[in-house]
Amino acid sequence: LPRAETYPSRSVSLLIGYAPGGLT
């Protein structure tokens, strides 16, 4: 993967469409 010098400049969010506590 190419890496930009300024990425990430802040927090990264991972959104999941499934309920907490499951395998995913």
PDBML (XML) file of the C-alpha atoms, coordinates in Angstrom:
<?xml version="1.0" encoding="UTF-8" ?>
<PDBx:datablock datablockName="MODEL"
   xmlns:PDBx="http://pdbml.pdb.org/schema/pdbx-v50.xsd"
   xmlns:xsi="http://www.w3.org/2001/XMLSchema-instance"
   xsi:schemaLocation="http://pdbml.pdb.org/schema/pdbx-v50.xsd pdbx-v50.xsd">
   <PDBx:atom_siteCategory>
      <PDBx:atom_site id="1">
         <PDBx:B_iso_or_equiv>0.00</PDBx:B_iso_or_equiv>
         <PDBx:Cartn_x>0.000</PDBx:Cartn_x>
         <PDBx:Cartn_y>0.000</PDBx:Cartn_y>
         <PDBx:Cartn_z>0.000</PDBx:Cartn_z>
         <PDBx:auth_asym_id>A</PDBx:auth_asym_id>
         <PDBx:auth_atom_id>CA</PDBx:auth_atom_id>
         <PDBx:auth_comp_id>LEU</PDBx:auth_comp_id>
         <PDBx:auth_seq_id>1</PDBx:auth_seq_id>
         <PDBx:group_PDB>ATOM</PDBx:group_PDB>
         <PDBx:label_alt_id xsi:nil="true" />
         <PDBx:label_asym_id>A</PDBx:label_asym_id>
         <PDBx:label_atom_id>CA</PDBx:label_atom_id>
         <PDBx:label_comp_id>LEU</PDBx:label_comp_id>
         <PDBx:label_entity_id>1</PDBx:label_entity_id>
         <PDBx:label_seq_id>1</PDBx:label_seq_id>
         <PDBx:occupancy>1.00</PDBx:occupancy>
         <PDBx:pdbx_PDB_model_num>1</PDBx:pdbx_PDB_model_num>
         <PDBx:type_symbol>C</PDBx:type_symbol>
      </PDBx:atom_site>
      <PDBx:atom_site id="2">
         <PDBx:B_iso_or_equiv>0.00</PDBx:B_iso_or_equiv>
         <PDBx:Cartn_x>1.318</PDBx:Cartn_x>
         <PDBx:Cartn_y>3.447</PDBx:Cartn_y>
         <PDBx:Cartn_z>-0.858</PDBx:Cartn_z>
         <PDBx:auth_asym_id>A</PDBx:auth_asym_id>
         <PDBx:auth_atom_id>CA</PDBx:auth_atom_id>
         <PDBx:auth_comp_id>PRO</PDBx:auth_comp_id>
         <PDBx:auth_seq_id>2</PDBx:auth_seq_id>
         <PDBx:group_PDB>ATOM</PDBx:group_PDB>
         <PDBx:label_alt_id xsi:nil="true" />
         <PDBx:label_asym_id>A</PDBx:label_asym_id>
         <PDBx:label_atom_id>CA</PDBx:label_atom_id>
         <PDBx:label_comp_id>PRO</PDBx:label_comp_id>
         <PDBx:label_entity_id>1</PDBx:label_entity_id>
         <PDBx:label_seq_id>2</PDBx:label_seq_id>
         <PDBx:occupancy>1.00</PDBx:occupancy>
         <PDBx:pdbx_PDB_model_num>1</PDBx:pdbx_PDB_model_num>
         <PDBx:type_symbol>C</PDBx:type_symbol>
      </PDBx:atom_site>
      <PDBx:atom_site id="3">
         <PDBx:B_iso_or_equiv>0.00</PDBx:B_iso_or_equiv>
         <PDBx:Cartn_x>1.776</PDBx:Cartn_x>
         <PDBx:Cartn_y>5.700</PDBx:Cartn_y>
         <PDBx:Cartn_z>2.149</PDBx:Cartn_z>
         <PDBx:auth_asym_id>A</PDBx:auth_asym_id>
         <PDBx:auth_atom_id>CA</PDBx:auth_atom_id>
         <PDBx:auth_comp_id>ARG</PDBx:auth_comp_id>
         <PDBx:auth_seq_id>3</PDBx:auth_seq_id>
         <PDBx:group_PDB>ATOM</PDBx:group_PDB>
         <PDBx:label_alt_id xsi:nil="true" />
         <PDBx:label_asym_id>A</PDBx:label_asym_id>
         <PDBx:label_atom_id>CA</PDBx:label_atom_id>
         <PDBx:label_comp_id>ARG</PDBx:label_comp_id>
         <PDBx:label_entity_id>1</PDBx:label_entity_id>
         <PDBx:label_seq_id>3</PDBx:label_seq_id>
         <PDBx:occupancy>1.00</PDBx:occupancy>
         <PDBx:pdbx_PDB_model_num>1</PDBx:pdbx_PDB_model_num>
         <PDBx:type_symbol>C</PDBx:type_symbol>
      </PDBx:atom_site>
      <PDBx:atom_site id="4">
         <PDBx:B_iso_or_equiv>0.00</PDBx:B_iso_or_equiv>
         <PDBx:Cartn_x>1.083</PDBx:Cartn_x>
         <PDBx:Cartn_y>9.388</PDBx:Cartn_y>
         <PDBx:Cartn_z>1.997</PDBx:Cartn_z>
         <PDBx:auth_asym_id>A</PDBx:auth_asym_id>
         <PDBx:auth_atom_id>CA</PDBx:auth_atom_id>
         <PDBx:auth_comp_id>ALA</PDBx:auth_comp_id>
         <PDBx:auth_seq_id>4</PDBx:auth_seq_id>
         <PDBx:group_PDB>ATOM</PDBx:group_PDB>
         <PDBx:label_alt_id xsi:nil="true" />
         <PDBx:label_asym_id>A</PDBx:label_asym_id>
         <PDBx:label_atom_id>CA</PDBx:label_atom_id>
         <PDBx:label_comp_id>ALA</PDBx:label_comp_id>
         <PDBx:label_entity_id>1</PDBx:label_entity_id>
         <PDBx:label_seq_id>4</PDBx:label_seq_id>
         <PDBx:occupancy>1.00</PDBx:occupancy>
         <PDBx:pdbx_PDB_model_num>1</PDBx:pdbx_PDB_model_num>
         <PDBx:type_symbol>C</PDBx:type_symbol>
      </PDBx:atom_site>
      <PDBx:atom_site id="5">
         <PDBx:B_iso_or_equiv>0.00</PDBx:B_iso_or_equiv>
         <PDBx:Cartn_x>3.183</PDBx:Cartn_x>
         <PDBx:Cartn_y>11.475</PDBx:Cartn_y>
         <PDBx:Cartn_z>4.325</PDBx:Cartn_z>
         <PDBx:auth_asym_id>A</PDBx:auth_asym_id>
         <PDBx:auth_atom_id>CA</PDBx:auth_atom_id>
         <PDBx:auth_comp_id>GLU</PDBx:auth_comp_id>
         <PDBx:auth_seq_id>5</PDBx:auth_seq_id>
         <PDBx:group_PDB>ATOM</PDBx:group_PDB>
         <PDBx:label_alt_id xsi:nil="true" />
         <PDBx:label_asym_id>A</PDBx:label_asym_id>
         <PDBx:label_atom_id>CA</PDBx:label_atom_id>
         <PDBx:label_comp_id>GLU</PDBx:label_comp_id>
         <PDBx:label_entity_id>1</PDBx:label_entity_id>
         <PDBx:label_seq_id>5</PDBx:label_seq_id>
         <PDBx:occupancy>1.00</PDBx:occupancy>
         <PDBx:pdbx_PDB_model_num>1</PDBx:pdbx_PDB_model_num>
         <PDBx:type_symbol>C</PDBx:type_symbol>
      </PDBx:atom_site>
      <PDBx:atom_site id="6">
         <PDBx:B_iso_or_equiv>0.00</PDBx:B_iso_or_equiv>
         <PDBx:Cartn_x>0.183</PDBx:Cartn_x>
         <PDBx:Cartn_y>13.143</PDBx:Cartn_y>
         <PDBx:Cartn_z>5.952</PDBx:Cartn_z>
         <PDBx:auth_asym_id>A</PDBx:auth_asym_id>
         <PDBx:auth_atom_id>CA</PDBx:auth_atom_id>
         <PDBx:auth_comp_id>THR</PDBx:auth_comp_id>
         <PDBx:auth_seq_id>6</PDBx:auth_seq_id>
         <PDBx:group_PDB>ATOM</PDBx:group_PDB>
         <PDBx:label_alt_id xsi:nil="true" />
         <PDBx:label_asym_id>A</PDBx:label_asym_id>
         <PDBx:label_atom_id>CA</PDBx:label_atom_id>
         <PDBx:label_comp_id>THR</PDBx:label_comp_id>
         <PDBx:label_entity_id>1</PDBx:label_entity_id>
         <PDBx:label_seq_id>6</PDBx:label_seq_id>
         <PDBx:occupancy>1.00</PDBx:occupancy>
         <PDBx:pdbx_PDB_model_num>1</PDBx:pdbx_PDB_model_num>
         <PDBx:type_symbol>C</PDBx:type_symbol>
      </PDBx:atom_site>
      <PDBx:atom_site id="7">
         <PDBx:B_iso_or_equiv>0.00</PDBx:B_iso_or_equiv>
         <PDBx:Cartn_x>-2.153</PDBx:Cartn_x>
         <PDBx:Cartn_y>10.154</PDBx:Cartn_y>
         <PDBx:Cartn_z>6.315</PDBx:Cartn_z>
         <PDBx:auth_asym_id>A</PDBx:auth_asym_id>
         <PDBx:auth_atom_id>CA</PDBx:auth_atom_id>
         <PDBx:auth_comp_id>TYR</PDBx:auth_comp_id>
         <PDBx:auth_seq_id>7</PDBx:auth_seq_id>
         <PDBx:group_PDB>ATOM</PDBx:group_PDB>
         <PDBx:label_alt_id xsi:nil="true" />
         <PDBx:label_asym_id>A</PDBx:label_asym_id>
         <PDBx:label_atom_id>CA</PDBx:label_atom_id>
         <PDBx:label_comp_id>TYR</PDBx:label_comp_id>
         <PDBx:label_entity_id>1</PDBx:label_entity_id>
         <PDBx:label_seq_id>7</PDBx:label_seq_id>
         <PDBx:occupancy>1.00</PDBx:occupancy>
         <PDBx:pdbx_PDB_model_num>1</PDBx:pdbx_PDB_model_num>
         <PDBx:type_symbol>C</PDBx:type_symbol>
      </PDBx:atom_site>
      <PDBx:atom_site id="8">
         <PDBx:B_iso_or_equiv>0.00</PDBx:B_iso_or_equiv>
         <PDBx:Cartn_x>-3.686</PDBx:Cartn_x>
         <PDBx:Cartn_y>9.780</PDBx:Cartn_y>
         <PDBx:Cartn_z>8.784</PDBx:Cartn_z>
         <PDBx:auth_asym_id>A</PDBx:auth_asym_id>
         <PDBx:auth_atom_id>CA</PDBx:auth_atom_id>
         <PDBx:auth_comp_id>PRO</PDBx:auth_comp_id>
         <PDBx:auth_seq_id>8</PDBx:auth_seq_id>
         <PDBx:group_PDB>ATOM</PDBx:group_PDB>
         <PDBx:label_alt_id xsi:nil="true" />
         <PDBx:label_asym_id>A</PDBx:label_asym_id>
         <PDBx:label_atom_id>CA</PDBx:label_atom_id>
         <PDBx:label_comp_id>PRO</PDBx:label_comp_id>
         <PDBx:label_entity_id>1</PDBx:label_entity_id>
         <PDBx:label_seq_id>8</PDBx:label_seq_id>
         <PDBx:occupancy>1.00</PDBx:occupancy>
         <PDBx:pdbx_PDB_model_num>1</PDBx:pdbx_PDB_model_num>
         <PDBx:type_symbol>C</PDBx:type_symbol>
      </PDBx:atom_site>
      <PDBx:atom_site id="9">
         <PDBx:B_iso_or_equiv>0.00</PDBx:B_iso_or_equiv>
         <PDBx:Cartn_x>-3.744</PDBx:Cartn_x>
         <PDBx:Cartn_y>13.301</PDBx:Cartn_y>
         <PDBx:Cartn_z>10.076</PDBx:Cartn_z>
         <PDBx:auth_asym_id>A</PDBx:auth_asym_id>
         <PDBx:auth_atom_id>CA</PDBx:auth_atom_id>
         <PDBx:auth_comp_id>SER</PDBx:auth_comp_id>
         <PDBx:auth_seq_id>9</PDBx:auth_seq_id>
         <PDBx:group_PDB>ATOM</PDBx:group_PDB>
         <PDBx:label_alt_id xsi:nil="true" />
         <PDBx:label_asym_id>A</PDBx:label_asym_id>
         <PDBx:label_atom_id>CA</PDBx:label_atom_id>
         <PDBx:label_comp_id>SER</PDBx:label_comp_id>
         <PDBx:label_entity_id>1</PDBx:label_entity_id>
         <PDBx:label_seq_id>9</PDBx:label_seq_id>
         <PDBx:occupancy>1.00</PDBx:occupancy>
         <PDBx:pdbx_PDB_model_num>1</PDBx:pdbx_PDB_model_num>
         <PDBx:type_symbol>C</PDBx:type_symbol>
      </PDBx:atom_site>
      <PDBx:atom_site id="10">
         <PDBx:B_iso_or_equiv>0.00</PDBx:B_iso_or_equiv>
         <PDBx:Cartn_x>-6.424</PDBx:Cartn_x>
         <PDBx:Cartn_y>12.494</PDBx:Cartn_y>
         <PDBx:Cartn_z>12.672</PDBx:Cartn_z>
         <PDBx:auth_asym_id>A</PDBx:auth_asym_id>
         <PDBx:auth_atom_id>CA</PDBx:auth_atom_id>
         <PDBx:auth_comp_id>ARG</PDBx:auth_comp_id>
         <PDBx:auth_seq_id>10</PDBx:auth_seq_id>
         <PDBx:group_PDB>ATOM</PDBx:group_PDB>
         <PDBx:label_alt_id xsi:nil="true" />
         <PDBx:label_asym_id>A</PDBx:label_asym_id>
         <PDBx:label_atom_id>CA</PDBx:label_atom_id>
         <PDBx:label_comp_id>ARG</PDBx:label_comp_id>
         <PDBx:label_entity_id>1</PDBx:label_entity_id>
         <PDBx:label_seq_id>10</PDBx:label_seq_id>
         <PDBx:occupancy>1.00</PDBx:occupancy>
         <PDBx:pdbx_PDB_model_num>1</PDBx:pdbx_PDB_model_num>
         <PDBx:type_symbol>C</PDBx:type_symbol>
      </PDBx:atom_site>
      <PDBx:atom_site id="11">
         <PDBx:B_iso_or_equiv>0.00</PDBx:B_iso_or_equiv>
         <PDBx:Cartn_x>-8.273</PDBx:Cartn_x>
         <PDBx:Cartn_y>9.503</PDBx:Cartn_y>
         <PDBx:Cartn_z>14.098</PDBx:Cartn_z>
         <PDBx:auth_asym_id>A</PDBx:auth_asym_id>
         <PDBx:auth_atom_id>CA</PDBx:auth_atom_id>
         <PDBx:auth_comp_id>SER</PDBx:auth_comp_id>
         <PDBx:auth_seq_id>11</PDBx:auth_seq_id>
         <PDBx:group_PDB>ATOM</PDBx:group_PDB>
         <PDBx:label_alt_id xsi:nil="true" />
         <PDBx:label_asym_id>A</PDBx:label_asym_id>
         <PDBx:label_atom_id>CA</PDBx:label_atom_id>
         <PDBx:label_comp_id>SER</PDBx:label_comp_id>
         <PDBx:label_entity_id>1</PDBx:label_entity_id>
         <PDBx:label_seq_id>11</PDBx:label_seq_id>
         <PDBx:occupancy>1.00</PDBx:occupancy>
         <PDBx:pdbx_PDB_model_num>1</PDBx:pdbx_PDB_model_num>
         <PDBx:type_symbol>C</PDBx:type_symbol>
      </PDBx:atom_site>
      <PDBx:atom_site id="12">
         <PDBx:B_iso_or_equiv>0.00</PDBx:B_iso_or_equiv>
         <PDBx:Cartn_x>-9.564</PDBx:Cartn_x>
         <PDBx:Cartn_y>6.792</PDBx:Cartn_y>
         <PDBx:Cartn_z>11.774</PDBx:Cartn_z>
         <PDBx:auth_asym_id>A</PDBx:auth_asym_id>
         <PDBx:auth_atom_id>CA</PDBx:auth_atom_id>
         <PDBx:auth_comp_id>VAL</PDBx:auth_comp_id>
         <PDBx:auth_seq_id>12</PDBx:auth_seq_id>
         <PDBx:group_PDB>ATOM</PDBx:group_PDB>
         <PDBx:label_alt_id xsi:nil="true" />
         <PDBx:label_asym_id>A</PDBx:label_asym_id>
         <PDBx:label_atom_id>CA</PDBx:label_atom_id>
         <PDBx:label_comp_id>VAL</PDBx:label_comp_id>
         <PDBx:label_entity_id>1</PDBx:label_entity_id>
         <PDBx:label_seq_id>12</PDBx:label_seq_id>
         <PDBx:occupancy>1.00</PDBx:occupancy>
         <PDBx:pdbx_PDB_model_num>1</PDBx:pdbx_PDB_model_num>
         <PDBx:type_symbol>C</PDBx:type_symbol>
      </PDBx:atom_site>
      <PDBx:atom_site id="13">
         <PDBx:B_iso_or_equiv>0.00</PDBx:B_iso_or_equiv>
         <PDBx:Cartn_x>-13.112</PDBx:Cartn_x>
         <PDBx:Cartn_y>5.451</PDBx:Cartn_y>
         <PDBx:Cartn_z>12.167</PDBx:Cartn_z>
         <PDBx:auth_asym_id>A</PDBx:auth_asym_id>
         <PDBx:auth_atom_id>CA</PDBx:auth_atom_id>
         <PDBx:auth_comp_id>SER</PDBx:auth_comp_id>
         <PDBx:auth_seq_id>13</PDBx:auth_seq_id>
         <PDBx:group_PDB>ATOM</PDBx:group_PDB>
         <PDBx:label_alt_id xsi:nil="true" />
         <PDBx:label_asym_id>A</PDBx:label_asym_id>
         <PDBx:label_atom_id>CA</PDBx:label_atom_id>
         <PDBx:label_comp_id>SER</PDBx:label_comp_id>
         <PDBx:label_entity_id>1</PDBx:label_entity_id>
         <PDBx:label_seq_id>13</PDBx:label_seq_id>
         <PDBx:occupancy>1.00</PDBx:occupancy>
         <PDBx:pdbx_PDB_model_num>1</PDBx:pdbx_PDB_model_num>
         <PDBx:type_symbol>C</PDBx:type_symbol>
      </PDBx:atom_site>
      <PDBx:atom_site id="14">
         <PDBx:B_iso_or_equiv>0.00</PDBx:B_iso_or_equiv>
         <PDBx:Cartn_x>-14.055</PDBx:Cartn_x>
         <PDBx:Cartn_y>1.891</PDBx:Cartn_y>
         <PDBx:Cartn_z>11.271</PDBx:Cartn_z>
         <PDBx:auth_asym_id>A</PDBx:auth_asym_id>
         <PDBx:auth_atom_id>CA</PDBx:auth_atom_id>
         <PDBx:auth_comp_id>LEU</PDBx:auth_comp_id>
         <PDBx:auth_seq_id>14</PDBx:auth_seq_id>
         <PDBx:group_PDB>ATOM</PDBx:group_PDB>
         <PDBx:label_alt_id xsi:nil="true" />
         <PDBx:label_asym_id>A</PDBx:label_asym_id>
         <PDBx:label_atom_id>CA</PDBx:label_atom_id>
         <PDBx:label_comp_id>LEU</PDBx:label_comp_id>
         <PDBx:label_entity_id>1</PDBx:label_entity_id>
         <PDBx:label_seq_id>14</PDBx:label_seq_id>
         <PDBx:occupancy>1.00</PDBx:occupancy>
         <PDBx:pdbx_PDB_model_num>1</PDBx:pdbx_PDB_model_num>
         <PDBx:type_symbol>C</PDBx:type_symbol>
      </PDBx:atom_site>
      <PDBx:atom_site id="15">
         <PDBx:B_iso_or_equiv>0.00</PDBx:B_iso_or_equiv>
         <PDBx:Cartn_x>-17.827</PDBx:Cartn_x>
         <PDBx:Cartn_y>1.544</PDBx:Cartn_y>
         <PDBx:Cartn_z>10.896</PDBx:Cartn_z>
         <PDBx:auth_asym_id>A</PDBx:auth_asym_id>
         <PDBx:auth_atom_id>CA</PDBx:auth_atom_id>
         <PDBx:auth_comp_id>LEU</PDBx:auth_comp_id>
         <PDBx:auth_seq_id>15</PDBx:auth_seq_id>
         <PDBx:group_PDB>ATOM</PDBx:group_PDB>
         <PDBx:label_alt_id xsi:nil="true" />
         <PDBx:label_asym_id>A</PDBx:label_asym_id>
         <PDBx:label_atom_id>CA</PDBx:label_atom_id>
         <PDBx:label_comp_id>LEU</PDBx:label_comp_id>
         <PDBx:label_entity_id>1</PDBx:label_entity_id>
         <PDBx:label_seq_id>15</PDBx:label_seq_id>
         <PDBx:occupancy>1.00</PDBx:occupancy>
         <PDBx:pdbx_PDB_model_num>1</PDBx:pdbx_PDB_model_num>
         <PDBx:type_symbol>C</PDBx:type_symbol>
      </PDBx:atom_site>
      <PDBx:atom_site id="16">
         <PDBx:B_iso_or_equiv>0.00</PDBx:B_iso_or_equiv>
         <PDBx:Cartn_x>-19.464</PDBx:Cartn_x>
         <PDBx:Cartn_y>-1.850</PDBx:Cartn_y>
         <PDBx:Cartn_z>11.294</PDBx:Cartn_z>
         <PDBx:auth_asym_id>A</PDBx:auth_asym_id>
         <PDBx:auth_atom_id>CA</PDBx:auth_atom_id>
         <PDBx:auth_comp_id>ILE</PDBx:auth_comp_id>
         <PDBx:auth_seq_id>16</PDBx:auth_seq_id>
         <PDBx:group_PDB>ATOM</PDBx:group_PDB>
         <PDBx:label_alt_id xsi:nil="true" />
         <PDBx:label_asym_id>A</PDBx:label_asym_id>
         <PDBx:label_atom_id>CA</PDBx:label_atom_id>
         <PDBx:label_comp_id>ILE</PDBx:label_comp_id>
         <PDBx:label_entity_id>1</PDBx:label_entity_id>
         <PDBx:label_seq_id>16</PDBx:label_seq_id>
         <PDBx:occupancy>1.00</PDBx:occupancy>
         <PDBx:pdbx_PDB_model_num>1</PDBx:pdbx_PDB_model_num>
         <PDBx:type_symbol>C</PDBx:type_symbol>
      </PDBx:atom_site>
      <PDBx:atom_site id="17">
         <PDBx:B_iso_or_equiv>0.00</PDBx:B_iso_or_equiv>
         <PDBx:Cartn_x>-23.065</PDBx:Cartn_x>
         <PDBx:Cartn_y>-2.607</PDBx:Cartn_y>
         <PDBx:Cartn_z>10.357</PDBx:Cartn_z>
         <PDBx:auth_asym_id>A</PDBx:auth_asym_id>
         <PDBx:auth_atom_id>CA</PDBx:auth_atom_id>
         <PDBx:auth_comp_id>GLY</PDBx:auth_comp_id>
         <PDBx:auth_seq_id>17</PDBx:auth_seq_id>
         <PDBx:group_PDB>ATOM</PDBx:group_PDB>
         <PDBx:label_alt_id xsi:nil="true" />
         <PDBx:label_asym_id>A</PDBx:label_asym_id>
         <PDBx:label_atom_id>CA</PDBx:label_atom_id>
         <PDBx:label_comp_id>GLY</PDBx:label_comp_id>
         <PDBx:label_entity_id>1</PDBx:label_entity_id>
         <PDBx:label_seq_id>17</PDBx:label_seq_id>
         <PDBx:occupancy>1.00</PDBx:occupancy>
         <PDBx:pdbx_PDB_model_num>1</PDBx:pdbx_PDB_model_num>
         <PDBx:type_symbol>C</PDBx:type_symbol>
      </PDBx:atom_site>
      <PDBx:atom_site id="18">
         <PDBx:B_iso_or_equiv>0.00</PDBx:B_iso_or_equiv>
         <PDBx:Cartn_x>-23.330</PDBx:Cartn_x>
         <PDBx:Cartn_y>-5.383</PDBx:Cartn_y>
         <PDBx:Cartn_z>12.928</PDBx:Cartn_z>
         <PDBx:auth_asym_id>A</PDBx:auth_asym_id>
         <PDBx:auth_atom_id>CA</PDBx:auth_atom_id>
         <PDBx:auth_comp_id>TYR</PDBx:auth_comp_id>
         <PDBx:auth_seq_id>18</PDBx:auth_seq_id>
         <PDBx:group_PDB>ATOM</PDBx:group_PDB>
         <PDBx:label_alt_id xsi:nil="true" />
         <PDBx:label_asym_id>A</PDBx:label_asym_id>
         <PDBx:label_atom_id>CA</PDBx:label_atom_id>
         <PDBx:label_comp_id>TYR</PDBx:label_comp_id>
         <PDBx:label_entity_id>1</PDBx:label_entity_id>
         <PDBx:label_seq_id>18</PDBx:label_seq_id>
         <PDBx:occupancy>1.00</PDBx:occupancy>
         <PDBx:pdbx_PDB_model_num>1</PDBx:pdbx_PDB_model_num>
         <PDBx:type_symbol>C</PDBx:type_symbol>
      </PDBx:atom_site>
      <PDBx:atom_site id="19">
         <PDBx:B_iso_or_equiv>0.00</PDBx:B_iso_or_equiv>
         <PDBx:Cartn_x>-24.110</PDBx:Cartn_x>
         <PDBx:Cartn_y>-5.519</PDBx:Cartn_y>
         <PDBx:Cartn_z>16.642</PDBx:Cartn_z>
         <PDBx:auth_asym_id>A</PDBx:auth_asym_id>
         <PDBx:auth_atom_id>CA</PDBx:auth_atom_id>
         <PDBx:auth_comp_id>ALA</PDBx:auth_comp_id>
         <PDBx:auth_seq_id>19</PDBx:auth_seq_id>
         <PDBx:group_PDB>ATOM</PDBx:group_PDB>
         <PDBx:label_alt_id xsi:nil="true" />
         <PDBx:label_asym_id>A</PDBx:label_asym_id>
         <PDBx:label_atom_id>CA</PDBx:label_atom_id>
         <PDBx:label_comp_id>ALA</PDBx:label_comp_id>
         <PDBx:label_entity_id>1</PDBx:label_entity_id>
         <PDBx:label_seq_id>19</PDBx:label_seq_id>
         <PDBx:occupancy>1.00</PDBx:occupancy>
         <PDBx:pdbx_PDB_model_num>1</PDBx:pdbx_PDB_model_num>
         <PDBx:type_symbol>C</PDBx:type_symbol>
      </PDBx:atom_site>
      <PDBx:atom_site id="20">
         <PDBx:B_iso_or_equiv>0.00</PDBx:B_iso_or_equiv>
         <PDBx:Cartn_x>-21.338</PDBx:Cartn_x>
         <PDBx:Cartn_y>-5.312</PDBx:Cartn_y>
         <PDBx:Cartn_z>19.254</PDBx:Cartn_z>
         <PDBx:auth_asym_id>A</PDBx:auth_asym_id>
         <PDBx:auth_atom_id>CA</PDBx:auth_atom_id>
         <PDBx:auth_comp_id>PRO</PDBx:auth_comp_id>
         <PDBx:auth_seq_id>20</PDBx:auth_seq_id>
         <PDBx:group_PDB>ATOM</PDBx:group_PDB>
         <PDBx:label_alt_id xsi:nil="true" />
         <PDBx:label_asym_id>A</PDBx:label_asym_id>
         <PDBx:label_atom_id>CA</PDBx:label_atom_id>
         <PDBx:label_comp_id>PRO</PDBx:label_comp_id>
         <PDBx:label_entity_id>1</PDBx:label_entity_id>
         <PDBx:label_seq_id>20</PDBx:label_seq_id>
         <PDBx:occupancy>1.00</PDBx:occupancy>
         <PDBx:pdbx_PDB_model_num>1</PDBx:pdbx_PDB_model_num>
         <PDBx:type_symbol>C</PDBx:type_symbol>
      </PDBx:atom_site>
      <PDBx:atom_site id="21">
         <PDBx:B_iso_or_equiv>0.00</PDBx:B_iso_or_equiv>
         <PDBx:Cartn_x>-20.046</PDBx:Cartn_x>
         <PDBx:Cartn_y>-8.594</PDBx:Cartn_y>
         <PDBx:Cartn_z>20.640</PDBx:Cartn_z>
         <PDBx:auth_asym_id>A</PDBx:auth_asym_id>
         <PDBx:auth_atom_id>CA</PDBx:auth_atom_id>
         <PDBx:auth_comp_id>GLY</PDBx:auth_comp_id>
         <PDBx:auth_seq_id>21</PDBx:auth_seq_id>
         <PDBx:group_PDB>ATOM</PDBx:group_PDB>
         <PDBx:label_alt_id xsi:nil="true" />
         <PDBx:label_asym_id>A</PDBx:label_asym_id>
         <PDBx:label_atom_id>CA</PDBx:label_atom_id>
         <PDBx:label_comp_id>GLY</PDBx:label_comp_id>
         <PDBx:label_entity_id>1</PDBx:label_entity_id>
         <PDBx:label_seq_id>21</PDBx:label_seq_id>
         <PDBx:occupancy>1.00</PDBx:occupancy>
         <PDBx:pdbx_PDB_model_num>1</PDBx:pdbx_PDB_model_num>
         <PDBx:type_symbol>C</PDBx:type_symbol>
      </PDBx:atom_site>
      <PDBx:atom_site id="22">
         <PDBx:B_iso_or_equiv>0.00</PDBx:B_iso_or_equiv>
         <PDBx:Cartn_x>-20.365</PDBx:Cartn_x>
         <PDBx:Cartn_y>-10.641</PDBx:Cartn_y>
         <PDBx:Cartn_z>17.465</PDBx:Cartn_z>
         <PDBx:auth_asym_id>A</PDBx:auth_asym_id>
         <PDBx:auth_atom_id>CA</PDBx:auth_atom_id>
         <PDBx:auth_comp_id>GLY</PDBx:auth_comp_id>
         <PDBx:auth_seq_id>22</PDBx:auth_seq_id>
         <PDBx:group_PDB>ATOM</PDBx:group_PDB>
         <PDBx:label_alt_id xsi:nil="true" />
         <PDBx:label_asym_id>A</PDBx:label_asym_id>
         <PDBx:label_atom_id>CA</PDBx:label_atom_id>
         <PDBx:label_comp_id>GLY</PDBx:label_comp_id>
         <PDBx:label_entity_id>1</PDBx:label_entity_id>
         <PDBx:label_seq_id>22</PDBx:label_seq_id>
         <PDBx:occupancy>1.00</PDBx:occupancy>
         <PDBx:pdbx_PDB_model_num>1</PDBx:pdbx_PDB_model_num>
         <PDBx:type_symbol>C</PDBx:type_symbol>
      </PDBx:atom_site>
      <PDBx:atom_site id="23">
         <PDBx:B_iso_or_equiv>0.00</PDBx:B_iso_or_equiv>
         <PDBx:Cartn_x>-17.519</PDBx:Cartn_x>
         <PDBx:Cartn_y>-12.282</PDBx:Cartn_y>
         <PDBx:Cartn_z>15.569</PDBx:Cartn_z>
         <PDBx:auth_asym_id>A</PDBx:auth_asym_id>
         <PDBx:auth_atom_id>CA</PDBx:auth_atom_id>
         <PDBx:auth_comp_id>LEU</PDBx:auth_comp_id>
         <PDBx:auth_seq_id>23</PDBx:auth_seq_id>
         <PDBx:group_PDB>ATOM</PDBx:group_PDB>
         <PDBx:label_alt_id xsi:nil="true" />
         <PDBx:label_asym_id>A</PDBx:label_asym_id>
         <PDBx:label_atom_id>CA</PDBx:label_atom_id>
         <PDBx:label_comp_id>LEU</PDBx:label_comp_id>
         <PDBx:label_entity_id>1</PDBx:label_entity_id>
         <PDBx:label_seq_id>23</PDBx:label_seq_id>
         <PDBx:occupancy>1.00</PDBx:occupancy>
         <PDBx:pdbx_PDB_model_num>1</PDBx:pdbx_PDB_model_num>
         <PDBx:type_symbol>C</PDBx:type_symbol>
      </PDBx:atom_site>
      <PDBx:atom_site id="24">
         <PDBx:B_iso_or_equiv>0.00</PDBx:B_iso_or_equiv>
         <PDBx:Cartn_x>-17.202</PDBx:Cartn_x>
         <PDBx:Cartn_y>-9.399</PDBx:Cartn_y>
         <PDBx:Cartn_z>13.108</PDBx:Cartn_z>
         <PDBx:auth_asym_id>A</PDBx:auth_asym_id>
         <PDBx:auth_atom_id>CA</PDBx:auth_atom_id>
         <PDBx:auth_comp_id>THR</PDBx:auth_comp_id>
         <PDBx:auth_seq_id>24</PDBx:auth_seq_id>
         <PDBx:group_PDB>ATOM</PDBx:group_PDB>
         <PDBx:label_alt_id xsi:nil="true" />
         <PDBx:label_asym_id>A</PDBx:label_asym_id>
         <PDBx:label_atom_id>CA</PDBx:label_atom_id>
         <PDBx:label_comp_id>THR</PDBx:label_comp_id>
         <PDBx:label_entity_id>1</PDBx:label_entity_id>
         <PDBx:label_seq_id>24</PDBx:label_seq_id>
         <PDBx:occupancy>1.00</PDBx:occupancy>
         <PDBx:pdbx_PDB_model_num>1</PDBx:pdbx_PDB_model_num>
         <PDBx:type_symbol>C</PDBx:type_symbol>
      </PDBx:atom_site>
   </PDBx:atom_siteCategory>
</PDBx:datablock>
